[in-house]
């Protein structure tokens, strides 16, 4: 993990330990919290048009930023509890997607990988 993610992880771990909350931060609980926060993020975009979703008010954008922060916090905590290098996993997944979705084959077409001829 990069220094910035390591630093975030250390601060989150300290935060949880100071409050004796690590006991509640099982992988299952963190995954469930992550799903809940993803739902809260979706609520900010529900019923908006594509254009509206790209032009959020400053207040709405800040609310979205806080939901994204919650998601990042839970992702970092979950990866720490499972001893997963989150950045390494992301780089590996990007490499997989580059093979599954070669630009020359999928450009401008958003189907799932198995739907391409």
C-alpha atoms as a PDB file:
ATOM      1  CA  UNK A   1       0.000   0.000   0.000  1.00  0.00           C
ATOM      2  CA  UNK A   2       1.119   3.555  -0.557  1.00  0.00           C
ATOM      3  CA  UNK A   3       2.163   5.778   2.306  1.00  0.00           C
ATOM      4  CA  UNK A   4      -1.089   7.710   2.135  1.00  0.00           C
ATOM      5  CA  UNK A   5      -3.225   4.581   2.439  1.00  0.00           C
ATOM      6  CA  UNK A   6      -0.913   3.260   5.152  1.00  0.00           C
ATOM      7  CA  UNK A   7      -1.298   6.531   7.033  1.00  0.00           C
ATOM      8  CA  UNK A   8      -5.065   6.452   6.637  1.00  0.00           C
ATOM      9  CA  UNK A   9      -5.119   2.849   7.827  1.00  0.00           C
ATOM     10  CA  UNK A  10      -3.015   3.717  10.891  1.00  0.00           C
ATOM     11  CA  UNK A  11      -5.312   6.593  11.803  1.00  0.00           C
ATOM     12  CA  UNK A  12      -8.431   4.460  11.349  1.00  0.00           C
ATOM     13  CA  UNK A  13      -6.924   1.671  13.430  1.00  0.00           C
ATOM     14  CA  UNK A  14      -6.005   4.145  16.185  1.00  0.00           C
ATOM     15  CA  UNK A  15      -9.527   5.621  16.022  1.00  0.00           C
ATOM     16  CA  UNK A  16     -11.118   2.173  16.424  1.00  0.00           C
ATOM     17  CA  UNK A  17      -8.744   1.062  19.194  1.00  0.00           C
ATOM     18  CA  UNK A  18      -9.218   4.262  21.212  1.00  0.00           C
ATOM     19  CA  UNK A  19     -12.952   3.554  21.231  1.00  0.00           C
ATOM     20  CA  UNK A  20     -12.644  -0.228  21.689  1.00  0.00           C
ATOM     21  CA  UNK A  21     -14.490  -0.683  18.390  1.00  0.00           C
ATOM     22  CA  UNK A  22     -12.157  -3.193  16.789  1.00  0.00           C
ATOM     23  CA  UNK A  23     -14.328  -5.903  18.307  1.00  0.00           C
ATOM     24  CA  UNK A  24     -17.116  -4.743  15.995  1.00  0.00           C
ATOM     25  CA  UNK A  25     -14.951  -4.452  12.890  1.00  0.00           C
ATOM     26  CA  UNK A  26     -15.103  -8.048  11.710  1.00  0.00           C
ATOM     27  CA  UNK A  27     -14.823  -8.587   7.961  1.00  0.00           C
ATOM     28  CA  UNK A  28     -18.540  -9.459   7.880  1.00  0.00           C
ATOM     29  CA  UNK A  29     -19.571  -6.293   9.705  1.00  0.00           C
ATOM     30  CA  UNK A  30     -17.284  -4.095   7.634  1.00  0.00           C
ATOM     31  CA  UNK A  31     -18.613  -5.600   4.394  1.00  0.00           C
ATOM     32  CA  UNK A  32     -22.180  -4.997   5.551  1.00  0.00           C
ATOM     33  CA  UNK A  33     -21.355  -1.408   6.519  1.00  0.00           C
ATOM     34  CA  UNK A  34     -19.763  -0.922   3.107  1.00  0.00           C
ATOM     35  CA  UNK A  35     -22.943  -2.100   1.386  1.00  0.00           C
ATOM     36  CA  UNK A  36     -25.037   0.238   3.527  1.00  0.00           C
ATOM     37  CA  UNK A  37     -22.830   3.209   2.680  1.00  0.00           C
ATOM     38  CA  UNK A  38     -23.007   2.333  -1.022  1.00  0.00           C
ATOM     39  CA  UNK A  39     -26.790   2.564  -0.703  1.00  0.00           C
ATOM     40  CA  UNK A  40     -26.478   5.979   0.924  1.00  0.00           C
ATOM     41  CA  UNK A  41     -24.303   7.124  -1.970  1.00  0.00           C
ATOM     42  CA  UNK A  42     -26.902   5.901  -4.462  1.00  0.00           C
ATOM     43  CA  UNK A  43     -29.622   7.918  -2.747  1.00  0.00           C
ATOM     44  CA  UNK A  44     -27.877  11.124  -3.793  1.00  0.00           C
ATOM     45  CA  UNK A  45     -28.247  10.169  -7.464  1.00  0.00           C
ATOM     46  CA  UNK A  46     -31.618   8.450  -7.400  1.00  0.00           C
ATOM     47  CA  UNK A  47     -34.061  10.124  -9.777  1.00  0.00           C
ATOM     48  CA  UNK A  48     -31.473  12.527 -11.213  1.00  0.00           C
ATOM     49  CA  UNK A  49     -30.959  12.772 -14.937  1.00  0.00           C
ATOM     50  CA  UNK A  50     -27.518  12.054 -16.361  1.00  0.00           C
ATOM     51  CA  UNK A  51     -26.954  15.794 -16.724  1.00  0.00           C
ATOM     52  CA  UNK A  52     -28.071  16.543 -13.160  1.00  0.00           C
ATOM     53  CA  UNK A  53     -25.778  13.826 -11.822  1.00  0.00           C
ATOM     54  CA  UNK A  54     -22.826  15.528 -13.502  1.00  0.00           C
ATOM     55  CA  UNK A  55     -23.724  18.993 -12.216  1.00  0.00           C
ATOM     56  CA  UNK A  56     -24.300  18.602  -8.484  1.00  0.00           C
ATOM     57  CA  UNK A  57     -24.752  21.639  -6.272  1.00  0.00           C
ATOM     58  CA  UNK A  58     -21.848  22.419  -3.948  1.00  0.00           C
ATOM     59  CA  UNK A  59     -23.823  21.141  -0.946  1.00  0.00           C
ATOM     60  CA  UNK A  60     -24.830  17.909  -2.687  1.00  0.00           C
ATOM     61  CA  UNK A  61     -21.280  17.387  -3.914  1.00  0.00           C
ATOM     62  CA  UNK A  62     -19.980  17.718  -0.355  1.00  0.00           C
ATOM     63  CA  UNK A  63     -22.558  15.193   0.856  1.00  0.00           C
ATOM     64  CA  UNK A  64     -21.422  12.805  -1.893  1.00  0.00           C
ATOM     65  CA  UNK A  65     -17.810  13.395  -0.843  1.00  0.00           C
ATOM     66  CA  UNK A  66     -18.681  12.316   2.719  1.00  0.00           C
ATOM     67  CA  UNK A  67     -20.373   9.147   1.449  1.00  0.00           C
ATOM     68  CA  UNK A  68     -17.319   8.378  -0.693  1.00  0.00           C
ATOM     69  CA  UNK A  69     -15.156   8.951   2.381  1.00  0.00           C
ATOM     70  CA  UNK A  70     -17.273   6.462   4.346  1.00  0.00           C
ATOM     71  CA  UNK A  71     -16.835   3.921   1.558  1.00  0.00           C
ATOM     72  CA  UNK A  72     -13.078   4.446   1.484  1.00  0.00           C
ATOM     73  CA  UNK A  73     -12.841   4.133   5.257  1.00  0.00           C
ATOM     74  CA  UNK A  74     -14.684   0.821   5.263  1.00  0.00           C
ATOM     75  CA  UNK A  75     -12.658  -0.468   2.298  1.00  0.00           C
ATOM     76  CA  UNK A  76      -9.394   0.382   4.013  1.00  0.00           C
ATOM     77  CA  UNK A  77     -10.515  -1.184   7.312  1.00  0.00           C
ATOM     78  CA  UNK A  78     -11.756  -4.319   5.563  1.00  0.00           C
ATOM     79  CA  UNK A  79      -8.551  -4.704   3.578  1.00  0.00           C
ATOM     80  CA  UNK A  80      -6.547  -4.275   6.794  1.00  0.00           C
ATOM     81  CA  UNK A  81      -8.565  -6.910   8.644  1.00  0.00           C
ATOM     82  CA  UNK A  82      -8.159  -9.372   5.759  1.00  0.00           C
ATOM     83  CA  UNK A  83      -4.498  -8.442   5.182  1.00  0.00           C
ATOM     84  CA  UNK A  84      -5.171  -7.475   1.566  1.00  0.00           C
ATOM     85  CA  UNK A  85      -3.008  -4.869  -0.126  1.00  0.00           C
ATOM     86  CA  UNK A  86      -5.788  -2.788  -1.616  1.00  0.00           C
ATOM     87  CA  UNK A  87      -3.640  -0.943  -4.151  1.00  0.00           C
ATOM     88  CA  UNK A  88      -1.987  -4.150  -5.322  1.00  0.00           C
ATOM     89  CA  UNK A  89      -5.417  -5.741  -5.741  1.00  0.00           C
ATOM     90  CA  UNK A  90      -6.622  -2.724  -7.733  1.00  0.00           C
ATOM     91  CA  UNK A  91      -3.587  -2.816 -10.052  1.00  0.00           C
ATOM     92  CA  UNK A  92      -4.084  -6.559 -10.596  1.00  0.00           C
ATOM     93  CA  UNK A  93      -7.788  -6.051 -11.340  1.00  0.00           C
ATOM     94  CA  UNK A  94      -7.040  -3.301 -13.855  1.00  0.00           C
ATOM     95  CA  UNK A  95      -4.621  -5.655 -15.640  1.00  0.00           C
ATOM     96  CA  UNK A  96      -7.323  -8.345 -15.741  1.00  0.00           C
ATOM     97  CA  UNK A  97      -9.863  -5.866 -17.130  1.00  0.00           C
ATOM     98  CA  UNK A  98      -7.432  -4.689 -19.798  1.00  0.00           C
ATOM     99  CA  UNK A  99      -7.277  -8.278 -21.056  1.00  0.00           C
ATOM    100  CA  UNK A 100     -11.023  -8.895 -20.709  1.00  0.00           C
ATOM    101  CA  UNK A 101     -11.907  -5.642 -22.433  1.00  0.00           C
ATOM    102  CA  UNK A 102      -9.312  -4.890 -25.128  1.00  0.00           C
ATOM    103  CA  UNK A 103      -9.835  -1.297 -26.286  1.00  0.00           C
ATOM    104  CA  UNK A 104      -9.860  -2.202 -29.970  1.00  0.00           C
ATOM    105  CA  UNK A 105     -12.704  -4.668 -29.351  1.00  0.00           C
ATOM    106  CA  UNK A 106     -14.913  -2.784 -26.905  1.00  0.00           C
ATOM    107  CA  UNK A 107     -14.405   0.903 -27.602  1.00  0.00           C
ATOM    108  CA  UNK A 108     -17.713   2.753 -27.250  1.00  0.00           C
ATOM    109  CA  UNK A 109     -19.600  -0.418 -26.253  1.00  0.00           C
ATOM    110  CA  UNK A 110     -20.440  -1.082 -22.600  1.00  0.00           C
ATOM    111  CA  UNK A 111     -21.537  -4.722 -22.671  1.00  0.00           C
ATOM    112  CA  UNK A 112     -20.309  -7.307 -20.167  1.00  0.00           C
ATOM    113  CA  UNK A 113     -17.176  -9.229 -21.165  1.00  0.00           C
ATOM    114  CA  UNK A 114     -19.059 -12.453 -21.899  1.00  0.00           C
ATOM    115  CA  UNK A 115     -21.395 -10.633 -24.286  1.00  0.00           C
ATOM    116  CA  UNK A 116     -18.663  -9.754 -26.773  1.00  0.00           C
ATOM    117  CA  UNK A 117     -18.184 -12.097 -29.754  1.00  0.00           C
END
